[in-house]
Amino acid sequence: MATRDTNGTCSPSGCPTLPAAFVRLRYFYGKMLGVADLRDEQHYHIGQMRFHNRHLHGSGVVCGLALSAFDSDSPMLLRVARGAAVDACGRVVLVPYDMCIDLDAWFRRERERRGSEWPVLPAGDRSLVLAVTLRYRESPESPEPAPRDPCGPGSGGDEFGRVHEEFDLSVVPVDEAPCDERSSFPTRADLAAAIRGAATADELARELVELLTAGCPDGVDDAAICLGTLTAVVADPPTDGLDSWDPGTIEGPVDFLLATETLQELVLLQLEPRGTGSIAFDAAGRRFILTPPRPIEESSLLDDGTQFVLRRFDRELGWIDPPSEFGLAVQYDAEHVELDINDIETAPFLVASGRYRLSLEPGVEPIVDADLRAVPIEHGFRLVDRDGTLTLEPLT
């Protein structure tokens, strides 16, 4: 059962939905400080930090903690890389060095503990799916001499003067581990439903407010972080231990936690305009030179230039199509596309101060890259007369 204690610190059995209160010491001149006061001083800051981590950041792997085979000479050894995580109580779990797990030794110990009938596997299937979990643990250390408490029993002796914040790594069958879904609040399913049901930003904000104000996340009884799963093969007979395990079956953690800096970079990347490459104009050679944002699959271009359309914008007439005599002939390689211009000298379509838009003709087969992804090409520009020469100026 999850506990509710002052300042929101976690007991070994779990952490509260909400702390009963946050209570801090108030100092004054002459105040007497005892063990309880100093303990409350620590618990206030610990509780605030864990509440902040849990409710404003969440839980999951922060960095490292990847699962992999230890080496080819030790086929039953699993490596857990050094790293850090935050558990569902908001506690930082630090693994400062690589760890090694002997899967065969674990299986033999579990078989002895659970009984000879374990594991129960489907007929003809000797695959055992395992999960690796990480938990926060505290360990007292540094014994120091302690005088007798005049208000308590005993005659004094030693007390531990430090608390070492440590970790526990465990291997359990996957159906006994919290590997199904991350413990985010609101849940991923609720967030997805809110996004699908909102047509505008205001509607989405209202949906999110409704989710957040519906309640606070439940207390956590077993704050374990699932680092991943893997598949081992039980020997036949099982008394011989494990036969093997396949590193290729490792699936990474469902619980992961992105730093605010990473989220900021993701947002900025999403806000960047989608690149369409660049455009230049060779007045002497009478050609446009396009540089696509990605190398193109050359065979996706047509030699006659019918994939491209050039229009001029007029404030009174709107978009003007070029005359029928005007043409764009294509020469290209993977990195560049050159459009040779056939213009009428007596009534040219390309004129100084004209504003133009060059794009792909709607409805034709797209230009693609080597992965068959469409390569966008769309440019707005102005032509200006500089000392008798037409020069292209891109429009943004």
Protein backbone atom coordinates (compact mmCIF):
# COMPACT_ATOMS: atom_id res chain seq x y z
CA MET A 1 0.00 0.00 0.00
CA ALA A 2 1.41 3.41 -0.96
CA THR A 3 2.12 5.70 1.97
CA ARG A 4 1.21 9.35 2.66
CA ASP A 5 3.92 10.96 4.71
CA THR A 6 4.90 14.54 5.42
CA ASN A 7 7.21 16.13 2.84
CA GLY A 8 6.43 13.42 0.29
CA THR A 9 9.41 11.15 0.92
CA CYS A 10 9.02 7.54 -0.17
CA SER A 11 8.81 4.56 2.11
CA PRO A 12 10.18 1.16 1.02
CA SER A 13 6.63 0.15 0.02
CA GLY A 14 6.04 3.01 -2.40
CA CYS A 15 5.39 6.73 -2.75
CA PRO A 16 2.24 8.77 -2.17
CA THR A 17 -0.22 10.14 -4.69
CA LEU A 18 0.26 13.52 -3.05
CA PRO A 19 2.18 14.27 0.15
CA ALA A 20 0.13 15.20 3.20
CA ALA A 21 2.05 18.49 3.33
CA PHE A 22 5.40 20.16 2.77
CA VAL A 23 6.72 21.35 6.13
CA ARG A 24 10.01 23.19 6.48
CA LEU A 25 11.87 24.37 9.54
CA ARG A 26 11.62 27.98 10.68
CA TYR A 27 14.84 29.10 12.33
CA PHE A 28 15.17 31.71 15.03
CA TYR A 29 17.93 32.84 17.32
CA GLY A 30 18.49 30.34 20.10
CA LYS A 31 16.51 27.53 18.47
CA MET A 32 17.57 24.10 19.70
CA LEU A 33 18.17 21.60 16.88
CA GLY A 34 17.92 17.88 17.40
CA VAL A 35 18.00 14.78 15.23
CA ALA A 36 14.31 15.13 14.32
CA ASP A 37 14.82 18.73 13.16
CA LEU A 38 17.76 17.91 10.93
CA ARG A 39 15.91 14.88 9.56
CA ASP A 40 12.91 17.10 8.73
CA GLU A 41 15.23 19.59 7.06
CA GLN A 42 16.54 16.85 4.77
CA HIS A 43 13.11 15.40 4.09
CA TYR A 44 11.72 18.77 3.03
CA HIS A 45 14.27 19.21 0.25
CA ILE A 46 14.24 15.52 -0.73
CA GLY A 47 10.45 15.54 -0.91
CA GLN A 48 10.33 18.74 -2.98
CA MET A 49 12.89 17.39 -5.45
CA ARG A 50 11.17 14.02 -5.84
CA PHE A 51 7.74 15.64 -6.21
CA HIS A 52 9.18 17.90 -8.92
CA ASN A 53 10.85 15.02 -10.74
CA ARG A 54 7.81 12.78 -10.62
CA HIS A 55 5.06 15.24 -11.51
CA LEU A 56 6.89 17.65 -13.83
CA HIS A 57 9.35 15.33 -15.56
CA GLY A 58 8.11 11.74 -15.21
CA SER A 59 10.07 8.53 -14.98
CA GLY A 60 12.33 6.48 -17.21
CA VAL A 61 15.86 6.00 -18.49
CA VAL A 62 17.73 9.30 -18.74
CA CYS A 63 20.91 8.00 -20.36
CA GLY A 64 22.85 4.76 -20.79
CA LEU A 65 21.61 1.48 -19.24
CA ALA A 66 21.61 -0.35 -22.58
CA LEU A 67 21.43 -4.15 -22.56
CA SER A 68 23.89 -6.17 -24.63
CA ALA A 69 25.86 -9.42 -24.68
CA PHE A 70 28.92 -9.23 -22.45
CA ASP A 71 31.26 -10.87 -24.98
CA SER A 72 31.37 -13.88 -27.29
CA ASP A 73 33.53 -15.89 -24.84
CA SER A 74 30.89 -15.64 -22.11
CA PRO A 75 27.64 -16.47 -23.91
CA MET A 76 25.46 -16.47 -20.78
CA LEU A 77 26.55 -13.05 -19.52
CA LEU A 78 24.40 -9.97 -20.05
CA ARG A 79 25.89 -6.47 -19.82
CA VAL A 80 23.96 -3.52 -18.39
CA ALA A 81 25.73 -0.31 -19.35
CA ARG A 82 26.35 2.44 -16.80
CA GLY A 83 23.73 5.14 -16.79
CA ALA A 84 21.00 6.93 -14.88
CA ALA A 85 17.23 6.90 -14.55
CA VAL A 86 14.40 8.50 -12.59
CA ASP A 87 11.87 6.14 -11.06
CA ALA A 88 8.13 6.66 -10.63
CA CYS A 89 8.71 8.10 -7.14
CA GLY A 90 10.96 10.81 -8.58
CA ARG A 91 14.13 9.25 -7.17
CA VAL A 92 17.34 9.40 -9.19
CA VAL A 93 18.77 5.91 -9.74
CA LEU A 94 22.45 5.99 -10.63
CA VAL A 95 24.37 3.00 -12.02
CA PRO A 96 27.94 4.35 -12.06
CA TYR A 97 29.61 1.38 -13.76
CA ASP A 98 28.79 -1.42 -16.19
CA MET A 99 27.10 -4.41 -14.58
CA CYS A 100 27.20 -8.08 -15.51
CA ILE A 101 24.32 -10.56 -15.07
CA ASP A 102 24.91 -14.32 -15.31
CA LEU A 103 21.65 -15.51 -16.87
CA ASP A 104 22.34 -19.21 -16.35
CA ALA A 105 23.16 -18.73 -12.66
CA TRP A 106 19.99 -16.68 -12.29
CA PHE A 107 17.89 -19.41 -13.93
CA ARG A 108 19.32 -22.17 -11.71
CA ARG A 109 18.73 -20.12 -8.56
CA GLU A 110 15.14 -19.29 -9.59
CA ARG A 111 14.41 -22.92 -10.44
CA GLU A 112 15.57 -23.96 -7.00
CA ARG A 113 13.56 -21.19 -5.33
CA ARG A 114 10.34 -21.66 -7.32
CA GLY A 115 10.36 -25.44 -7.47
CA SER A 116 11.11 -28.10 -10.06
CA GLU A 117 7.89 -27.44 -12.03
CA TRP A 118 9.08 -23.96 -13.00
CA PRO A 119 9.01 -22.66 -15.67
CA VAL A 120 5.71 -23.71 -17.25
CA LEU A 121 6.17 -23.28 -21.01
CA PRO A 122 3.89 -24.09 -23.96
CA ALA A 123 4.35 -27.54 -25.43
CA GLY A 124 7.24 -27.66 -27.86
CA ASP A 125 8.40 -24.13 -26.90
CA ARG A 126 11.44 -23.64 -24.70
CA SER A 127 11.58 -19.83 -25.08
CA LEU A 128 11.56 -17.86 -21.82
CA VAL A 129 11.05 -14.09 -22.23
CA LEU A 130 12.84 -12.20 -19.48
CA ALA A 131 12.81 -8.59 -18.32
CA VAL A 132 15.61 -6.65 -16.67
CA THR A 133 14.40 -4.17 -14.07
CA LEU A 134 16.10 -1.43 -12.07
CA ARG A 135 15.05 -0.20 -8.63
CA TYR A 136 16.20 2.45 -6.21
CA ARG A 137 17.66 1.18 -2.93
CA GLU A 138 19.18 2.79 0.15
CA SER A 139 21.98 1.24 2.19
CA PRO A 140 23.19 2.58 5.58
CA GLU A 141 26.96 2.79 5.96
CA SER A 142 29.81 4.43 7.90
CA PRO A 143 29.16 3.22 11.47
CA GLU A 144 29.99 5.80 14.13
CA PRO A 145 29.94 5.68 17.94
CA ALA A 146 26.66 6.96 19.35
CA PRO A 147 25.93 7.94 22.97
CA ARG A 148 22.97 6.50 24.80
CA ASP A 149 19.64 8.19 24.13
CA PRO A 150 18.40 9.25 27.60
CA CYS A 151 14.80 9.00 26.37
CA GLY A 152 15.15 5.62 24.71
CA PRO A 153 16.12 2.03 25.51
CA GLY A 154 19.59 0.62 25.13
CA SER A 155 23.01 1.66 26.27
CA GLY A 156 24.34 3.38 23.17
CA GLY A 157 26.78 1.87 20.72
CA ASP A 158 27.22 2.46 17.00
CA GLU A 159 24.93 4.13 14.47
CA PHE A 160 25.33 4.41 10.73
CA GLY A 161 26.29 7.95 9.81
CA ARG A 162 25.59 7.87 6.08
CA VAL A 163 22.93 6.61 3.67
CA HIS A 164 24.24 5.32 0.36
CA GLU A 165 21.73 5.69 -2.48
CA GLU A 166 22.16 2.56 -4.55
CA PHE A 167 20.28 0.34 -7.00
CA ASP A 168 19.01 -3.18 -7.50
CA LEU A 169 19.11 -4.97 -10.85
CA SER A 170 16.69 -7.85 -11.25
CA VAL A 171 15.82 -10.42 -13.91
CA VAL A 172 12.23 -11.68 -13.88
CA PRO A 173 9.87 -13.35 -16.37
CA VAL A 174 8.32 -10.61 -18.47
CA ASP A 175 4.80 -11.26 -17.17
CA GLU A 176 6.03 -10.33 -13.68
CA ALA A 177 7.65 -7.05 -14.74
CA PRO A 178 6.27 -3.53 -15.36
CA CYS A 179 7.25 -3.56 -19.04
CA ASP A 180 3.85 -3.13 -20.68
CA GLU A 181 3.45 0.64 -20.66
CA ARG A 182 5.27 3.63 -19.26
CA SER A 183 3.68 5.26 -16.22
CA SER A 184 3.17 8.69 -17.80
CA PHE A 185 0.43 11.08 -16.70
CA PRO A 186 -1.76 11.69 -18.58
CA THR A 187 -1.34 8.34 -20.31
CA ARG A 188 -0.15 8.11 -23.90
CA ALA A 189 -3.55 6.72 -24.95
CA ASP A 190 -5.37 9.69 -23.38
CA LEU A 191 -3.00 12.16 -25.03
CA ALA A 192 -3.43 10.49 -28.41
CA ALA A 193 -7.22 10.67 -28.07
CA ALA A 194 -7.03 14.35 -27.15
CA ILE A 195 -4.86 15.15 -30.17
CA ARG A 196 -7.11 13.22 -32.55
CA GLY A 197 -10.23 14.89 -31.18
CA ALA A 198 -8.96 18.48 -31.37
CA ALA A 199 -9.27 20.49 -34.59
CA THR A 200 -7.62 23.68 -33.27
CA ALA A 201 -4.97 24.64 -30.73
CA ASP A 202 -7.67 26.04 -28.41
CA GLU A 203 -9.58 22.76 -28.53
CA LEU A 204 -6.40 20.81 -27.76
CA ALA A 205 -5.67 23.11 -24.80
CA ARG A 206 -9.16 22.47 -23.42
CA GLU A 207 -8.72 18.70 -23.86
CA LEU A 208 -5.36 18.78 -22.01
CA VAL A 209 -6.78 20.90 -19.18
CA GLU A 210 -9.59 18.38 -18.76
CA LEU A 211 -7.06 15.52 -18.54
CA LEU A 212 -4.81 17.32 -16.05
CA THR A 213 -7.58 18.51 -13.76
CA ALA A 214 -9.31 15.11 -13.63
CA GLY A 215 -6.93 14.04 -10.85
CA CYS A 216 -3.34 13.33 -9.90
CA PRO A 217 -1.40 10.19 -10.81
CA ASP A 218 -1.88 7.24 -8.49
CA GLY A 219 0.65 6.36 -5.86
CA VAL A 220 3.32 3.86 -6.81
CA ASP A 221 3.80 0.65 -4.84
CA ASP A 222 6.67 -0.86 -6.83
CA ALA A 223 8.75 1.82 -8.49
CA ALA A 224 10.72 -0.36 -10.90
CA ILE A 225 12.10 0.74 -14.26
CA CYS A 226 12.03 -1.82 -17.05
CA LEU A 227 15.34 -1.63 -18.92
CA GLY A 228 14.26 -4.07 -21.63
CA THR A 229 13.39 -7.63 -22.47
CA LEU A 230 15.23 -10.56 -24.03
CA THR A 231 14.55 -14.19 -24.94
CA ALA A 232 16.43 -17.12 -23.44
CA VAL A 233 16.15 -20.79 -24.44
CA VAL A 234 15.67 -23.30 -21.62
CA ALA A 235 17.79 -26.44 -21.91
CA ASP A 236 16.13 -29.82 -22.35
CA PRO A 237 15.84 -31.06 -19.63
CA PRO A 238 15.51 -27.76 -17.65
CA THR A 239 17.77 -29.14 -14.94
CA ASP A 240 20.66 -28.39 -17.32
CA GLY A 241 19.95 -24.65 -17.01
CA LEU A 242 19.69 -22.31 -19.97
CA ASP A 243 20.75 -23.46 -23.41
CA SER A 244 21.31 -20.00 -24.93
CA TRP A 245 19.94 -16.50 -25.31
CA ASP A 246 19.69 -14.32 -28.40
CA PRO A 247 21.06 -10.75 -28.14
CA GLY A 248 19.04 -9.97 -31.26
CA THR A 249 15.84 -10.29 -29.21
CA ILE A 250 16.71 -7.40 -26.88
CA GLU A 251 14.03 -4.73 -26.92
CA GLY A 252 14.88 -1.40 -25.32
CA PRO A 253 13.06 0.33 -22.50
CA VAL A 254 9.49 1.51 -22.82
CA ASP A 255 10.24 3.98 -20.03
CA PHE A 256 12.55 6.76 -21.18
CA LEU A 257 12.85 10.38 -20.16
CA LEU A 258 13.98 13.16 -22.50
CA ALA A 259 15.81 16.15 -21.05
CA THR A 260 14.21 19.59 -21.48
CA GLU A 261 17.12 20.58 -23.73
CA THR A 262 16.39 17.62 -26.02
CA LEU A 263 12.68 18.50 -26.15
CA GLN A 264 13.61 22.08 -27.04
CA GLU A 265 15.78 20.88 -29.92
CA LEU A 266 12.98 18.63 -31.17
CA VAL A 267 10.54 21.55 -31.15
CA LEU A 268 13.01 23.78 -32.99
CA LEU A 269 13.64 21.08 -35.59
CA GLN A 270 9.90 20.79 -36.18
CA LEU A 271 9.64 24.55 -36.62
CA GLU A 272 12.37 24.67 -39.26
CA PRO A 273 10.94 25.19 -42.75
CA ARG A 274 11.10 22.11 -44.93
CA GLY A 275 14.04 22.59 -47.25
CA THR A 276 13.42 22.88 -50.98
CA GLY A 277 17.04 23.44 -51.93
CA SER A 278 18.29 26.54 -53.75
CA ILE A 279 17.90 28.21 -57.13
CA ALA A 280 20.34 30.29 -59.21
CA PHE A 281 20.06 32.02 -62.60
CA ASP A 282 22.73 32.03 -65.29
CA ALA A 283 21.80 35.02 -67.44
CA ALA A 284 24.54 34.43 -70.00
CA GLY A 285 23.68 30.79 -70.47
CA ARG A 286 19.93 31.46 -70.15
CA ARG A 287 19.32 28.71 -67.61
CA PHE A 288 18.03 28.11 -64.08
CA ILE A 289 20.24 25.94 -61.85
CA LEU A 290 18.45 24.04 -59.07
CA THR A 291 20.16 22.33 -56.15
CA PRO A 292 17.66 19.89 -54.54
CA PRO A 293 17.63 19.45 -50.74
CA ARG A 294 18.57 15.76 -51.21
CA PRO A 295 20.30 13.89 -54.04
CA ILE A 296 17.71 12.78 -56.56
CA GLU A 297 17.17 9.48 -58.31
CA GLU A 298 18.10 10.69 -61.77
CA SER A 299 15.72 8.40 -63.62
CA SER A 300 12.77 10.13 -61.89
CA LEU A 301 13.35 13.29 -64.02
CA LEU A 302 11.96 13.76 -67.51
CA ASP A 303 14.32 15.06 -70.16
CA ASP A 304 11.79 17.40 -71.75
CA GLY A 305 11.16 19.43 -68.56
CA THR A 306 7.40 18.86 -68.48
CA GLN A 307 7.55 18.27 -64.73
CA PHE A 308 8.30 21.95 -64.11
CA VAL A 309 6.03 24.95 -64.35
CA LEU A 310 7.08 28.63 -64.20
CA ARG A 311 4.53 31.38 -63.62
CA ARG A 312 4.79 35.14 -63.22
CA PHE A 313 2.69 37.09 -60.73
CA ASP A 314 0.99 40.33 -61.79
CA ARG A 315 -0.75 42.54 -59.23
CA GLU A 316 -3.70 43.14 -61.59
CA LEU A 317 -3.89 39.92 -63.57
CA GLY A 318 -2.69 37.44 -60.95
CA TRP A 319 -0.73 34.41 -62.11
CA ILE A 320 0.36 34.53 -65.75
CA ASP A 321 1.33 31.41 -67.66
CA PRO A 322 4.23 31.65 -70.13
CA PRO A 323 3.44 31.72 -73.85
CA SER A 324 3.34 28.43 -75.69
CA GLU A 325 6.73 29.13 -77.27
CA PHE A 326 8.38 29.37 -73.87
CA GLY A 327 10.07 26.15 -72.76
CA LEU A 328 12.32 24.58 -70.12
CA ALA A 329 14.69 21.83 -71.28
CA VAL A 330 16.25 19.64 -68.57
CA GLN A 331 19.85 18.65 -68.02
CA TYR A 332 20.64 17.03 -64.70
CA ASP A 333 22.67 14.82 -62.41
CA ALA A 334 22.02 13.63 -58.87
CA GLU A 335 23.06 16.95 -57.29
CA HIS A 336 21.86 19.58 -59.79
CA VAL A 337 19.04 20.23 -62.25
CA GLU A 338 19.63 22.73 -65.08
CA LEU A 339 16.63 24.16 -66.93
CA ASP A 340 17.61 25.71 -70.25
CA ILE A 341 15.28 28.55 -71.23
CA ASN A 342 13.67 29.05 -74.62
CA ASP A 343 12.28 32.61 -74.41
CA ILE A 344 10.94 35.01 -77.05
CA GLU A 345 13.22 38.00 -77.52
CA THR A 346 10.52 40.30 -78.88
CA ALA A 347 8.11 39.67 -75.97
CA PRO A 348 10.13 37.90 -73.28
CA PHE A 349 8.42 36.15 -70.37
CA LEU A 350 11.42 36.78 -68.11
CA VAL A 351 11.52 40.51 -67.38
CA ALA A 352 13.17 42.79 -64.88
CA SER A 353 11.17 43.40 -61.67
CA GLY A 354 9.05 40.31 -62.41
CA ARG A 355 8.15 37.96 -59.57
CA TYR A 356 8.06 34.24 -60.38
CA ARG A 357 7.25 30.87 -58.88
CA LEU A 358 8.99 27.73 -60.15
CA SER A 359 7.58 24.43 -58.95
CA LEU A 360 6.70 20.91 -60.03
CA GLU A 361 3.65 20.52 -62.24
CA PRO A 362 0.72 19.22 -60.16
CA GLY A 363 -0.41 15.73 -61.05
CA VAL A 364 2.82 14.48 -62.64
CA GLU A 365 4.98 11.75 -61.14
CA PRO A 366 7.12 13.20 -58.32
CA ILE A 367 10.87 13.59 -58.38
CA VAL A 368 12.26 11.19 -55.74
CA ASP A 369 15.48 10.39 -53.95
CA ALA A 370 17.17 6.99 -53.70
CA ASP A 371 14.66 5.94 -50.99
CA LEU A 372 11.75 6.96 -53.27
CA ARG A 373 10.83 9.89 -51.02
CA ALA A 374 9.46 12.90 -52.88
CA VAL A 375 12.03 15.69 -53.27
CA PRO A 376 10.29 19.07 -52.85
CA ILE A 377 11.11 21.78 -55.40
CA GLU A 378 9.37 25.13 -55.02
CA HIS A 379 11.02 28.55 -55.38
CA GLY A 380 9.76 32.11 -55.38
CA PHE A 381 12.10 34.74 -56.76
CA ARG A 382 12.37 38.18 -58.33
CA LEU A 383 14.41 39.15 -61.39
CA VAL A 384 16.20 42.49 -61.17
CA ASP A 385 18.22 44.42 -63.75
CA ARG A 386 21.78 45.02 -62.62
CA ASP A 387 23.80 46.93 -65.19
CA GLY A 388 21.83 45.38 -68.03
CA THR A 389 22.00 41.84 -66.68
CA LEU A 390 19.04 39.98 -65.17
CA THR A 391 19.88 38.74 -61.68
CA LEU A 392 17.79 36.40 -59.53
CA GLU A 393 16.90 37.34 -55.96
CA PRO A 394 15.14 34.59 -53.92
CA LEU A 395 11.98 35.57 -52.09
CA THR A 396 11.34 34.34 -48.55
